[in-house]
């Protein structure tokens, strides 16, 4: 879905797991290269697979 190194691809799931991904600062600092649609897709996939809201 998104071309990036594996270590960077793992960050959203770690952040989401820790409930930090919703923090605007973390989103802008760590994932500023992602569009809102891309970030939303990642969050939706995580929620679907791990039961997060």
PDB file of N, CA and C in Angstrom:
ATOM      1  N   UNK A   1       0.822  -1.180   0.000  1.00  0.00           N
ATOM      2  CA  UNK A   1       0.000   0.000   0.000  1.00  0.00           C
ATOM      3  C   UNK A   1       0.878   1.261   0.000  1.00  0.00           C
ATOM      4  N   UNK A   2       1.931   1.269   0.834  1.00  0.00           N
ATOM      5  CA  UNK A   2       2.819   2.423   0.913  1.00  0.00           C
ATOM      6  C   UNK A   2       4.252   1.910   0.860  1.00  0.00           C
ATOM      7  N   UNK A   3       5.067   2.534   0.025  1.00  0.00           N
ATOM      8  CA  UNK A   3       6.458   2.125  -0.117  1.00  0.00           C
ATOM      9  C   UNK A   3       7.296   2.809   0.960  1.00  0.00           C
ATOM     10  N   UNK A   4       7.784   2.008   1.949  1.00  0.00           N
ATOM     11  CA  UNK A   4       8.621   2.545   3.014  1.00  0.00           C
ATOM     12  C   UNK A   4       9.410   1.401   3.641  1.00  0.00           C
ATOM     13  N   UNK A   5      10.498   1.720   4.347  1.00  0.00           N
ATOM     14  CA  UNK A   5      11.279   0.676   5.009  1.00  0.00           C
ATOM     15  C   UNK A   5      10.434  -0.043   6.061  1.00  0.00           C
ATOM     16  N   UNK A   6      10.766  -1.293   6.299  1.00  0.00           N
ATOM     17  CA  UNK A   6      10.002  -2.111   7.251  1.00  0.00           C
ATOM     18  C   UNK A   6       9.961  -1.485   8.647  1.00  0.00           C
ATOM     19  N   UNK A   7      11.098  -0.948   9.119  1.00  0.00           N
ATOM     20  CA  UNK A   7      11.120  -0.361  10.458  1.00  0.00           C
ATOM     21  C   UNK A   7      10.132   0.792  10.557  1.00  0.00           C
ATOM     22  N   UNK A   8       9.992   1.567   9.475  1.00  0.00           N
ATOM     23  CA  UNK A   8       9.058   2.681   9.490  1.00  0.00           C
ATOM     24  C   UNK A   8       7.623   2.185   9.369  1.00  0.00           C
ATOM     25  N   UNK A   9       7.427   1.132   8.616  1.00  0.00           N
ATOM     26  CA  UNK A   9       6.088   0.560   8.472  1.00  0.00           C
ATOM     27  C   UNK A   9       5.585  -0.010   9.798  1.00  0.00           C
ATOM     28  N   UNK A  10       6.484  -0.433  10.667  1.00  0.00           N
ATOM     29  CA  UNK A  10       6.089  -0.989  11.965  1.00  0.00           C
ATOM     30  C   UNK A  10       5.740   0.079  12.997  1.00  0.00           C
ATOM     31  N   UNK A  11       6.181   1.302  12.779  1.00  0.00           N
ATOM     32  CA  UNK A  11       5.918   2.357  13.755  1.00  0.00           C
ATOM     33  C   UNK A  11       4.431   2.625  13.980  1.00  0.00           C
ATOM     34  N   UNK A  12       3.608   2.721  12.929  1.00  0.00           N
ATOM     35  CA  UNK A  12       2.191   3.007  13.201  1.00  0.00           C
ATOM     36  C   UNK A  12       1.543   1.977  14.116  1.00  0.00           C
ATOM     37  N   UNK A  13       1.839   0.717  13.903  1.00  0.00           N
ATOM     38  CA  UNK A  13       1.208  -0.300  14.742  1.00  0.00           C
ATOM     39  C   UNK A  13       1.691  -0.182  16.182  1.00  0.00           C
ATOM     40  N   UNK A  14       2.950   0.128  16.382  1.00  0.00           N
ATOM     41  CA  UNK A  14       3.461   0.311  17.749  1.00  0.00           C
ATOM     42  C   UNK A  14       2.815   1.533  18.391  1.00  0.00           C
ATOM     43  N   UNK A  15       2.728   2.622  17.638  1.00  0.00           N
ATOM     44  CA  UNK A  15       2.102   3.829  18.174  1.00  0.00           C
ATOM     45  C   UNK A  15       0.625   3.592  18.455  1.00  0.00           C
ATOM     46  N   UNK A  16      -0.065   2.946  17.527  1.00  0.00           N
ATOM     47  CA  UNK A  16      -1.484   2.679  17.744  1.00  0.00           C
ATOM     48  C   UNK A  16      -1.683   1.786  18.960  1.00  0.00           C
ATOM     49  N   UNK A  17      -0.819   0.817  19.088  1.00  0.00           N
ATOM     50  CA  UNK A  17      -0.911  -0.088  20.236  1.00  0.00           C
ATOM     51  C   UNK A  17      -0.763   0.688  21.538  1.00  0.00           C
ATOM     52  N   UNK A  18       0.065   1.682  21.531  1.00  0.00           N
ATOM     53  CA  UNK A  18       0.315   2.481  22.731  1.00  0.00           C
ATOM     54  C   UNK A  18      -0.648   3.666  22.836  1.00  0.00           C
ATOM     55  N   UNK A  19      -1.584   3.761  21.913  1.00  0.00           N
ATOM     56  CA  UNK A  19      -2.571   4.838  21.886  1.00  0.00           C
ATOM     57  C   UNK A  19      -1.941   6.221  21.751  1.00  0.00           C
ATOM     58  N   UNK A  20      -0.812   6.285  21.089  1.00  0.00           N
ATOM     59  CA  UNK A  20      -0.136   7.559  20.882  1.00  0.00           C
ATOM     60  C   UNK A  20      -0.421   8.103  19.489  1.00  0.00           C
ATOM     61  N   UNK A  21      -0.844   7.254  18.578  1.00  0.00           N
ATOM     62  CA  UNK A  21      -1.019   7.658  17.190  1.00  0.00           C
ATOM     63  C   UNK A  21      -2.060   8.747  17.020  1.00  0.00           C
ATOM     64  N   UNK A  22      -3.013   8.832  17.929  1.00  0.00           N
ATOM     65  CA  UNK A  22      -4.035   9.860  17.801  1.00  0.00           C
ATOM     66  C   UNK A  22      -3.515  11.242  18.195  1.00  0.00           C
ATOM     67  N   UNK A  23      -2.368  11.270  18.821  1.00  0.00           N
ATOM     68  CA  UNK A  23      -1.760  12.532  19.228  1.00  0.00           C
ATOM     69  C   UNK A  23      -1.285  13.280  17.982  1.00  0.00           C
ATOM     70  N   UNK A  24      -1.729  14.497  17.825  1.00  0.00           N
ATOM     71  CA  UNK A  24      -1.390  15.286  16.637  1.00  0.00           C
ATOM     72  C   UNK A  24       0.119  15.466  16.480  1.00  0.00           C
ATOM     73  N   UNK A  25       0.806  15.713  17.570  1.00  0.00           N
ATOM     74  CA  UNK A  25       2.252  15.908  17.515  1.00  0.00           C
ATOM     75  C   UNK A  25       2.950  14.668  16.978  1.00  0.00           C
ATOM     76  N   UNK A  26       2.577  13.498  17.483  1.00  0.00           N
ATOM     77  CA  UNK A  26       3.184  12.253  17.015  1.00  0.00           C
ATOM     78  C   UNK A  26       2.870  12.039  15.541  1.00  0.00           C
ATOM     79  N   UNK A  27       1.654  12.308  15.139  1.00  0.00           N
ATOM     80  CA  UNK A  27       1.246  12.126  13.745  1.00  0.00           C
ATOM     81  C   UNK A  27       2.077  13.017  12.833  1.00  0.00           C
ATOM     82  N   UNK A  28       2.248  14.280  13.210  1.00  0.00           N
ATOM     83  CA  UNK A  28       3.000  15.211  12.381  1.00  0.00           C
ATOM     84  C   UNK A  28       4.492  14.914  12.392  1.00  0.00           C
ATOM     85  N   UNK A  29       5.016  14.566  13.546  1.00  0.00           N
ATOM     86  CA  UNK A  29       6.455  14.331  13.671  1.00  0.00           C
ATOM     87  C   UNK A  29       6.885  13.026  13.009  1.00  0.00           C
ATOM     88  N   UNK A  30       6.204  11.941  13.334  1.00  0.00           N
ATOM     89  CA  UNK A  30       6.633  10.625  12.876  1.00  0.00           C
ATOM     90  C   UNK A  30       6.077  10.228  11.516  1.00  0.00           C
ATOM     91  N   UNK A  31       4.913  10.742  11.173  1.00  0.00           N
ATOM     92  CA  UNK A  31       4.251  10.288   9.953  1.00  0.00           C
ATOM     93  C   UNK A  31       3.838  11.436   9.052  1.00  0.00           C
ATOM     94  N   UNK A  32       4.586  12.509   9.093  1.00  0.00           N
ATOM     95  CA  UNK A  32       4.270  13.678   8.295  1.00  0.00           C
ATOM     96  C   UNK A  32       4.259  13.428   6.799  1.00  0.00           C
ATOM     97  N   UNK A  33       4.960  12.405   6.345  1.00  0.00           N
ATOM     98  CA  UNK A  33       5.004  12.106   4.914  1.00  0.00           C
ATOM     99  C   UNK A  33       3.735  11.403   4.438  1.00  0.00           C
ATOM    100  N   UNK A  34       2.927  10.896   5.370  1.00  0.00           N
ATOM    101  CA  UNK A  34       1.689  10.216   4.992  1.00  0.00           C
ATOM    102  C   UNK A  34       0.580  11.233   4.775  1.00  0.00           C
ATOM    103  N   UNK A  35      -0.272  10.965   3.804  1.00  0.00           N
ATOM    104  CA  UNK A  35      -1.463  11.787   3.639  1.00  0.00           C
ATOM    105  C   UNK A  35      -2.469  11.387   4.713  1.00  0.00           C
ATOM    106  N   UNK A  36      -3.479  12.219   4.920  1.00  0.00           N
ATOM    107  CA  UNK A  36      -4.521  11.867   5.884  1.00  0.00           C
ATOM    108  C   UNK A  36      -5.227  10.585   5.476  1.00  0.00           C
ATOM    109  N   UNK A  37      -5.426  10.381   4.170  1.00  0.00           N
ATOM    110  CA  UNK A  37      -6.052   9.144   3.688  1.00  0.00           C
ATOM    111  C   UNK A  37      -5.198   7.925   4.020  1.00  0.00           C
ATOM    112  N   UNK A  38      -3.883   8.028   3.795  1.00  0.00           N
ATOM    113  CA  UNK A  38      -2.982   6.909   4.099  1.00  0.00           C
ATOM    114  C   UNK A  38      -2.987   6.602   5.589  1.00  0.00           C
ATOM    115  N   UNK A  39      -2.901   7.633   6.421  1.00  0.00           N
ATOM    116  CA  UNK A  39      -2.918   7.427   7.869  1.00  0.00           C
ATOM    117  C   UNK A  39      -4.247   6.813   8.295  1.00  0.00           C
ATOM    118  N   UNK A  40      -5.331   7.284   7.719  1.00  0.00           N
ATOM    119  CA  UNK A  40      -6.641   6.732   8.037  1.00  0.00           C
ATOM    120  C   UNK A  40      -6.773   5.278   7.644  1.00  0.00           C
ATOM    121  N   UNK A  41      -6.215   4.927   6.497  1.00  0.00           N
ATOM    122  CA  UNK A  41      -6.250   3.526   6.046  1.00  0.00           C
ATOM    123  C   UNK A  41      -5.458   2.636   6.997  1.00  0.00           C
ATOM    124  N   UNK A  42      -4.299   3.109   7.427  1.00  0.00           N
ATOM    125  CA  UNK A  42      -3.475   2.339   8.362  1.00  0.00           C
ATOM    126  C   UNK A  42      -4.226   2.152   9.676  1.00  0.00           C
ATOM    127  N   UNK A  43      -4.835   3.218  10.187  1.00  0.00           N
ATOM    128  CA  UNK A  43      -5.575   3.132  11.436  1.00  0.00           C
ATOM    129  C   UNK A  43      -6.753   2.177  11.309  1.00  0.00           C
ATOM    130  N   UNK A  44      -7.451   2.218  10.166  1.00  0.00           N
ATOM    131  CA  UNK A  44      -8.594   1.325   9.944  1.00  0.00           C
ATOM    132  C   UNK A  44      -8.151  -0.130   9.875  1.00  0.00           C
ATOM    133  N   UNK A  45      -7.051  -0.393   9.195  1.00  0.00           N
ATOM    134  CA  UNK A  45      -6.524  -1.758   9.098  1.00  0.00           C
ATOM    135  C   UNK A  45      -6.132  -2.257  10.480  1.00  0.00           C
ATOM    136  N   UNK A  46      -5.481  -1.406  11.263  1.00  0.00           N
ATOM    137  CA  UNK A  46      -5.094  -1.794  12.612  1.00  0.00           C
ATOM    138  C   UNK A  46      -6.333  -2.124  13.449  1.00  0.00           C
ATOM    139  N   UNK A  47      -7.329  -1.242  13.390  1.00  0.00           N
ATOM    140  CA  UNK A  47      -8.557  -1.466  14.160  1.00  0.00           C
ATOM    141  C   UNK A  47      -9.252  -2.758  13.743  1.00  0.00           C
ATOM    142  N   UNK A  48      -9.274  -3.023  12.456  1.00  0.00           N
ATOM    143  CA  UNK A  48      -9.916  -4.238  11.943  1.00  0.00           C
ATOM    144  C   UNK A  48      -9.187  -5.481  12.427  1.00  0.00           C
ATOM    145  N   UNK A  49      -7.879  -5.434  12.461  1.00  0.00           N
ATOM    146  CA  UNK A  49      -7.086  -6.606  12.814  1.00  0.00           C
ATOM    147  C   UNK A  49      -6.860  -6.790  14.313  1.00  0.00           C
ATOM    148  N   UNK A  50      -6.896  -5.694  15.055  1.00  0.00           N
ATOM    149  CA  UNK A  50      -6.576  -5.794  16.470  1.00  0.00           C
ATOM    150  C   UNK A  50      -7.724  -5.341  17.369  1.00  0.00           C
ATOM    151  N   UNK A  51      -8.866  -5.049  16.793  1.00  0.00           N
ATOM    152  CA  UNK A  51     -10.042  -4.711  17.566  1.00  0.00           C
ATOM    153  C   UNK A  51     -10.009  -3.377  18.257  1.00  0.00           C
ATOM    154  N   UNK A  52      -9.141  -2.480  17.809  1.00  0.00           N
ATOM    155  CA  UNK A  52      -9.091  -1.142  18.395  1.00  0.00           C
ATOM    156  C   UNK A  52     -10.219  -0.294  17.831  1.00  0.00           C
ATOM    157  N   UNK A  53     -10.635   0.699  18.594  1.00  0.00           N
ATOM    158  CA  UNK A  53     -11.687   1.598  18.131  1.00  0.00           C
ATOM    159  C   UNK A  53     -11.090   2.784  17.400  1.00  0.00           C
TER     160      UNK A  53
END
